[in-house]
Amino acid sequence: MTALAGRHALVTGGSRGIGRAIAQALTAAGARVTVLGRDQAALAQAVSQGDAAGFVAADVTDAAAVADAIARSELNVMGSVHAIRRVLDGMVARRFGRIVAVASTAGLKGYAYVSAYCAAKHALVGLIRSLALETAATGVTVNAVCPGYTDTDMVRESAARIAAKTGRPAEEAVAAMVRNNPLGRLITPDEVAAAVLFLCSPAAAAVTGTTLTIAGGEI
């Protein structure tokens, strides 16, 4: 598949989990992918295993570090607000760009005991919707994917912490996470990556301002 041949994608959080799966999918579609994250060894492994063409070690919460990364690897960006701010003008000038934010079902509904996380994800979804309106005539599309609980290291580590605190098996913690998902299971990183790949493809040129939910019918 070469739908993205000649395109360059910078994938934030690309060393593992959803980001790694996105990098792999975009690479398979012909894009030249640079992965960005904090774990240099894991980033280098993504490159050595063929999931990306290059990597930049940076913390996406550090605006200066992201600016330096973008200066070295600039076109299509999946990820953070800092990255969007740094690349949007260039995309508009080129009359082409794909911005896909990895949000969450927590950006579309509330969850108890994670109010700060929900607030952040709702803000990200609002940003995406507004930017889509502002850029609709420029050749740039701006979308978000909103996965439910996904089978990543972060979710497994969270389940392990719950198990340690409660004495219940980690499997019970995972079951509680997915009880509102009609599929009754965790979403896979590859399922999220497939949604991102569609939004980056030529077929999605008219899709902007959307929140594509991958949550088994929860939303």
Foldseek 3Di string as FASTA:
>chain_A
DQLPAPAEEEFEPCLWFLNVLLLQVVVVNHYAYEYEEADVVSSVVSCVVRSHVYYQYDHPVDLVSLLVVCVVGPAEYEEDPSNCVNHVVVCLVVLAYEYEYAAAVLLVDPDPPPVVNSVVSVVVLVVQLVVQVVCVRRRYAGEYEHEAAAPTPVLLVVLVVVCVVPVDDSVVVQQVSLVLAVVSHHHYSNVSSVVSVVSRGPVNSVDHSYYHYHGNPSD
